[in-house]
């Protein structure tokens, strides 16, 4: 977790995990990614698969984040007790929503998360309860996704909240919500605004990228970390490249 908090300011590199087999996480660790984001929002992955991915990442010294499907307390609580280094929460548009999400990641009196110290996060009951509670309140990373014009307009207030560990700009949903292309000037201006808000709050800001070139451009622009491609796209692209090369040779 310390690696995630410290490294995220230095251009940390992550990727999405969308497949159920734990080999995906294993491969990404051996490839050298700093962290993975296990995606429960846009996949058919369940909590059992997420738990296996978290265990694999932890065993290989890589930080596992989980993108939860919504703001619900129950899923956030369960993935954190499964040992996730933090949660990525989609569609956080207001400071009120961000405050509720932070409370879902923290124990009372700071939040509403229930105690489950016999879970992986509590080392199956072997970690002293005080350490389990302190880790949950001080180390679990709460990452809020800013994916609408409203969210970007509120970014200064959202990112300044105590307990927000990082922000994440979802440019695809942002552009769709505005009805403009992803590379438009309107989106570019909002990204600039979000970067300024994150810098003012002293909070790392990241984004998703499809390619390494896009990732390098994002880091050059001022993003602190990037989530590049995903296990399914990497597999699909590799398969397509082999097929295309062989078919071209056969002709």
Protein backbone atom coordinates (compact mmCIF):
# COMPACT_ATOMS: atom_id res chain seq x y z
CA UNK A 1 0.00 0.00 0.00
CA UNK A 2 2.86 2.33 0.75
CA UNK A 3 4.17 1.66 -2.76
CA UNK A 4 0.85 2.72 -4.20
CA UNK A 5 0.65 5.93 -2.19
CA UNK A 6 4.29 6.86 -2.75
CA UNK A 7 4.67 5.61 -6.29
CA UNK A 8 1.43 6.98 -7.65
CA UNK A 9 3.07 10.42 -7.58
CA UNK A 10 5.92 9.23 -9.77
CA UNK A 11 4.17 8.00 -12.88
CA UNK A 12 2.94 4.68 -11.54
CA UNK A 13 1.77 2.23 -14.20
CA UNK A 14 -1.31 0.04 -13.91
CA UNK A 15 -3.68 -1.95 -16.09
CA UNK A 16 -7.26 -3.22 -15.88
CA UNK A 17 -8.11 -6.84 -15.10
CA UNK A 18 -11.29 -8.08 -16.79
CA UNK A 19 -10.81 -11.85 -17.05
CA UNK A 20 -11.57 -14.27 -14.21
CA UNK A 21 -8.43 -16.44 -14.34
CA UNK A 22 -5.76 -15.44 -11.80
CA UNK A 23 -3.16 -15.89 -14.53
CA UNK A 24 -4.05 -12.40 -15.79
CA UNK A 25 -2.79 -10.81 -12.59
CA UNK A 26 0.23 -13.10 -12.50
CA UNK A 27 1.23 -12.12 -16.05
CA UNK A 28 0.82 -8.40 -15.33
CA UNK A 29 3.01 -8.71 -12.24
CA UNK A 30 5.75 -10.52 -14.17
CA UNK A 31 5.43 -7.92 -16.96
CA UNK A 32 6.31 -5.20 -14.44
CA UNK A 33 3.08 -3.31 -13.82
CA UNK A 34 3.01 -1.50 -10.47
CA UNK A 35 -0.66 -2.17 -9.81
CA UNK A 36 -3.80 -3.66 -11.31
CA UNK A 37 -7.39 -2.46 -11.18
CA UNK A 38 -9.79 -5.38 -10.94
CA UNK A 39 -12.90 -4.22 -12.79
CA UNK A 40 -16.27 -5.04 -11.24
CA UNK A 41 -18.05 -2.25 -13.13
CA UNK A 42 -17.72 -3.30 -16.77
CA UNK A 43 -17.20 -7.06 -16.52
CA UNK A 44 -18.94 -10.22 -15.32
CA UNK A 45 -16.36 -10.69 -12.55
CA UNK A 46 -17.79 -11.54 -9.14
CA UNK A 47 -16.42 -11.04 -5.64
CA UNK A 48 -14.93 -14.53 -5.60
CA UNK A 49 -12.84 -13.81 -8.68
CA UNK A 50 -11.86 -10.42 -7.26
CA UNK A 51 -10.72 -12.08 -4.04
CA UNK A 52 -8.52 -14.53 -5.99
CA UNK A 53 -7.03 -11.68 -8.03
CA UNK A 54 -6.29 -9.72 -4.86
CA UNK A 55 -4.53 -12.71 -3.30
CA UNK A 56 -2.42 -13.29 -6.41
CA UNK A 57 -1.40 -9.63 -6.63
CA UNK A 58 -0.50 -9.50 -2.95
CA UNK A 59 1.56 -12.69 -3.23
CA UNK A 60 3.55 -11.18 -6.12
CA UNK A 61 4.12 -7.82 -4.44
CA UNK A 62 1.78 -5.83 -6.66
CA UNK A 63 -0.95 -3.50 -5.37
CA UNK A 64 -4.52 -4.59 -6.21
CA UNK A 65 -7.21 -1.94 -6.54
CA UNK A 66 -10.83 -2.83 -7.26
CA UNK A 67 -13.17 -0.71 -9.35
CA UNK A 68 -16.52 -1.23 -7.67
CA UNK A 69 -19.77 -1.11 -9.68
CA UNK A 70 -21.34 1.78 -7.74
CA UNK A 71 -21.22 3.69 -4.45
CA UNK A 72 -22.73 0.88 -2.38
CA UNK A 73 -21.23 0.33 1.07
CA UNK A 74 -21.53 -3.46 0.99
CA UNK A 75 -19.30 -4.10 -2.05
CA UNK A 76 -16.73 -1.50 -0.96
CA UNK A 77 -16.55 -3.09 2.48
CA UNK A 78 -16.23 -6.62 1.11
CA UNK A 79 -13.44 -5.90 -1.38
CA UNK A 80 -11.46 -4.01 1.26
CA UNK A 81 -11.82 -6.90 3.68
CA UNK A 82 -10.72 -9.18 0.83
CA UNK A 83 -7.41 -7.32 0.98
CA UNK A 84 -7.72 -4.72 -1.78
CA UNK A 85 -5.25 -1.85 -1.49
CA UNK A 86 -8.14 0.47 -2.27
CA UNK A 87 -11.23 1.08 -4.34
CA UNK A 88 -11.86 3.02 -7.53
CA UNK A 89 -15.38 4.43 -7.39
CA UNK A 90 -17.12 5.42 -10.65
CA UNK A 91 -19.27 8.47 -11.35
CA UNK A 92 -18.50 10.65 -8.33
CA UNK A 93 -20.04 13.96 -9.33
CA UNK A 94 -20.36 15.97 -6.12
CA UNK A 95 -18.59 16.58 -2.84
CA UNK A 96 -21.55 14.99 -1.04
CA UNK A 97 -21.14 11.78 -3.02
CA UNK A 98 -17.38 11.82 -2.44
CA UNK A 99 -17.89 12.29 1.30
CA UNK A 100 -20.24 9.27 1.40
CA UNK A 101 -17.73 7.15 -0.53
CA UNK A 102 -14.95 8.07 1.89
CA UNK A 103 -17.18 7.09 4.80
CA UNK A 104 -17.76 3.72 3.15
CA UNK A 105 -14.00 3.05 3.19
CA UNK A 106 -13.41 4.10 6.81
CA UNK A 107 -14.33 2.69 10.20
CA UNK A 108 -16.27 4.71 12.82
CA UNK A 109 -16.07 7.44 13.86
CA UNK A 110 -14.58 8.50 10.52
CA UNK A 111 -16.94 6.34 8.49
CA UNK A 112 -19.52 3.60 8.31
CA UNK A 113 -17.47 0.53 7.42
CA UNK A 114 -18.10 -2.47 9.65
CA UNK A 115 -15.37 -4.45 11.37
CA UNK A 116 -14.35 -7.79 9.83
CA UNK A 117 -10.88 -8.47 11.18
CA UNK A 118 -11.01 -12.23 10.53
CA UNK A 119 -10.81 -11.48 6.80
CA UNK A 120 -7.68 -11.29 4.60
CA UNK A 121 -7.36 -7.60 5.48
CA UNK A 122 -7.01 -8.67 9.11
CA UNK A 123 -4.69 -11.55 8.18
CA UNK A 124 -7.50 -13.96 9.01
CA UNK A 125 -7.70 -12.71 12.58
CA UNK A 126 -3.95 -12.81 13.23
CA UNK A 127 -3.49 -9.05 12.90
CA UNK A 128 -4.20 -7.13 16.10
CA UNK A 129 -7.60 -5.46 15.78
CA UNK A 130 -6.12 -2.02 16.43
CA UNK A 131 -3.74 -2.51 13.48
CA UNK A 132 -6.59 -3.72 11.28
CA UNK A 133 -8.65 -0.64 12.10
CA UNK A 134 -5.71 1.72 11.71
CA UNK A 135 -4.81 0.23 8.32
CA UNK A 136 -8.39 0.60 7.11
CA UNK A 137 -8.63 4.22 8.18
CA UNK A 138 -5.17 5.38 7.16
CA UNK A 139 -4.03 3.21 4.25
CA UNK A 140 -7.01 2.00 2.19
CA UNK A 141 -6.92 4.15 -0.94
CA UNK A 142 -10.14 5.84 -2.03
CA UNK A 143 -9.95 6.81 -5.71
CA UNK A 144 -12.85 8.81 -7.16
CA UNK A 145 -13.61 8.78 -10.87
CA UNK A 146 -14.54 12.14 -12.38
CA UNK A 147 -16.52 11.25 -15.49
CA UNK A 148 -18.89 14.13 -16.18
CA UNK A 149 -18.75 17.85 -16.71
CA UNK A 150 -20.45 18.31 -13.34
CA UNK A 151 -17.75 16.21 -11.67
CA UNK A 152 -14.95 18.26 -13.22
CA UNK A 153 -16.67 21.50 -12.20
CA UNK A 154 -16.76 20.15 -8.63
CA UNK A 155 -13.27 18.66 -8.75
CA UNK A 156 -11.71 21.27 -6.48
CA UNK A 157 -14.19 20.52 -3.68
CA UNK A 158 -14.16 16.75 -4.27
CA UNK A 159 -10.40 16.29 -4.31
CA UNK A 160 -9.85 18.55 -1.29
CA UNK A 161 -11.93 16.28 0.96
CA UNK A 162 -10.09 14.46 3.73
CA UNK A 163 -9.87 10.78 2.85
CA UNK A 164 -9.68 11.12 -0.94
CA UNK A 165 -6.50 9.30 -1.93
CA UNK A 166 -6.51 10.02 -5.66
CA UNK A 167 -8.66 11.17 -8.53
CA UNK A 168 -9.19 9.54 -11.90
CA UNK A 169 -10.46 11.30 -15.03
CA UNK A 170 -12.62 9.09 -17.23
CA UNK A 171 -12.35 10.92 -20.53
CA UNK A 172 -14.48 8.43 -22.48
CA UNK A 173 -17.54 8.90 -20.28
CA UNK A 174 -16.76 12.59 -19.92
CA UNK A 175 -16.86 13.15 -23.67
CA UNK A 176 -20.01 11.03 -24.04
CA UNK A 177 -21.77 13.00 -21.32
CA UNK A 178 -20.95 16.19 -23.22
CA UNK A 179 -21.82 14.81 -26.64
CA UNK A 180 -18.39 15.66 -28.08
CA UNK A 181 -15.39 13.63 -29.35
CA UNK A 182 -12.85 12.51 -26.74
CA UNK A 183 -10.11 14.69 -28.20
CA UNK A 184 -12.18 17.84 -28.47
CA UNK A 185 -11.16 21.25 -27.13
CA UNK A 186 -14.05 21.15 -24.65
CA UNK A 187 -12.75 17.94 -23.07
CA UNK A 188 -9.19 19.26 -23.15
CA UNK A 189 -10.17 22.37 -21.18
CA UNK A 190 -11.91 20.26 -18.54
CA UNK A 191 -8.88 17.99 -18.22
CA UNK A 192 -6.69 21.05 -17.66
CA UNK A 193 -9.12 22.18 -14.97
CA UNK A 194 -9.04 18.78 -13.27
CA UNK A 195 -5.23 18.70 -13.28
CA UNK A 196 -5.16 22.14 -11.67
CA UNK A 197 -7.68 21.08 -9.03
CA UNK A 198 -5.65 17.97 -8.18
CA UNK A 199 -2.44 19.97 -7.92
CA UNK A 200 -4.11 22.49 -5.61
CA UNK A 201 -5.40 19.68 -3.39
CA UNK A 202 -2.11 17.81 -3.44
CA UNK A 203 -3.90 14.69 -4.68
CA UNK A 204 -2.58 12.40 -7.46
CA UNK A 205 -4.66 12.34 -10.64
CA UNK A 206 -4.71 9.55 -13.20
CA UNK A 207 -6.49 8.48 -16.35
CA UNK A 208 -7.01 5.47 -18.59
CA UNK A 209 -5.05 5.03 -21.82
CA UNK A 210 -5.41 2.50 -24.61
CA UNK A 211 -1.78 2.54 -25.77
CA UNK A 212 1.71 3.22 -24.46
CA UNK A 213 1.96 6.33 -26.64
CA UNK A 214 -1.21 7.70 -25.07
CA UNK A 215 0.15 6.87 -21.62
CA UNK A 216 3.40 8.74 -22.28
CA UNK A 217 1.44 11.75 -23.53
CA UNK A 218 -0.76 11.68 -20.42
CA UNK A 219 2.24 11.57 -18.08
CA UNK A 220 3.89 14.39 -20.03
CA UNK A 221 0.67 16.37 -19.66
CA UNK A 222 0.86 16.14 -15.89
CA UNK A 223 -1.07 13.04 -14.87
CA UNK A 224 0.54 11.27 -11.92
CA UNK A 225 -0.39 7.73 -12.94
CA UNK A 226 -1.98 5.86 -15.84
CA UNK A 227 -4.03 2.70 -16.28
CA UNK A 228 -2.99 1.33 -19.66
CA UNK A 229 -5.01 -1.17 -21.70
CA UNK A 230 -6.37 -4.34 -20.04
CA UNK A 231 -5.84 -8.09 -20.10
CA UNK A 232 -8.54 -8.74 -22.72
CA UNK A 233 -7.32 -6.07 -25.13
CA UNK A 234 -3.70 -7.13 -24.75
CA UNK A 235 -4.67 -10.74 -25.55
CA UNK A 236 -6.90 -9.69 -28.46
CA UNK A 237 -4.30 -7.37 -29.97
CA UNK A 238 -1.58 -10.02 -29.73
CA UNK A 239 -3.83 -12.63 -31.33
CA UNK A 240 -4.88 -10.30 -34.13
CA UNK A 241 -1.27 -9.29 -34.85
CA UNK A 242 -0.24 -12.94 -35.26
CA UNK A 243 -3.17 -13.74 -37.53
CA UNK A 244 -2.69 -10.63 -39.68
CA UNK A 245 1.04 -11.24 -40.06
CA UNK A 246 0.58 -14.87 -41.11
CA UNK A 247 -2.27 -14.12 -43.49
CA UNK A 248 -0.29 -11.33 -45.10
CA UNK A 249 2.68 -13.71 -45.57
CA UNK A 250 0.42 -16.42 -47.00
CA UNK A 251 -0.77 -14.06 -49.71
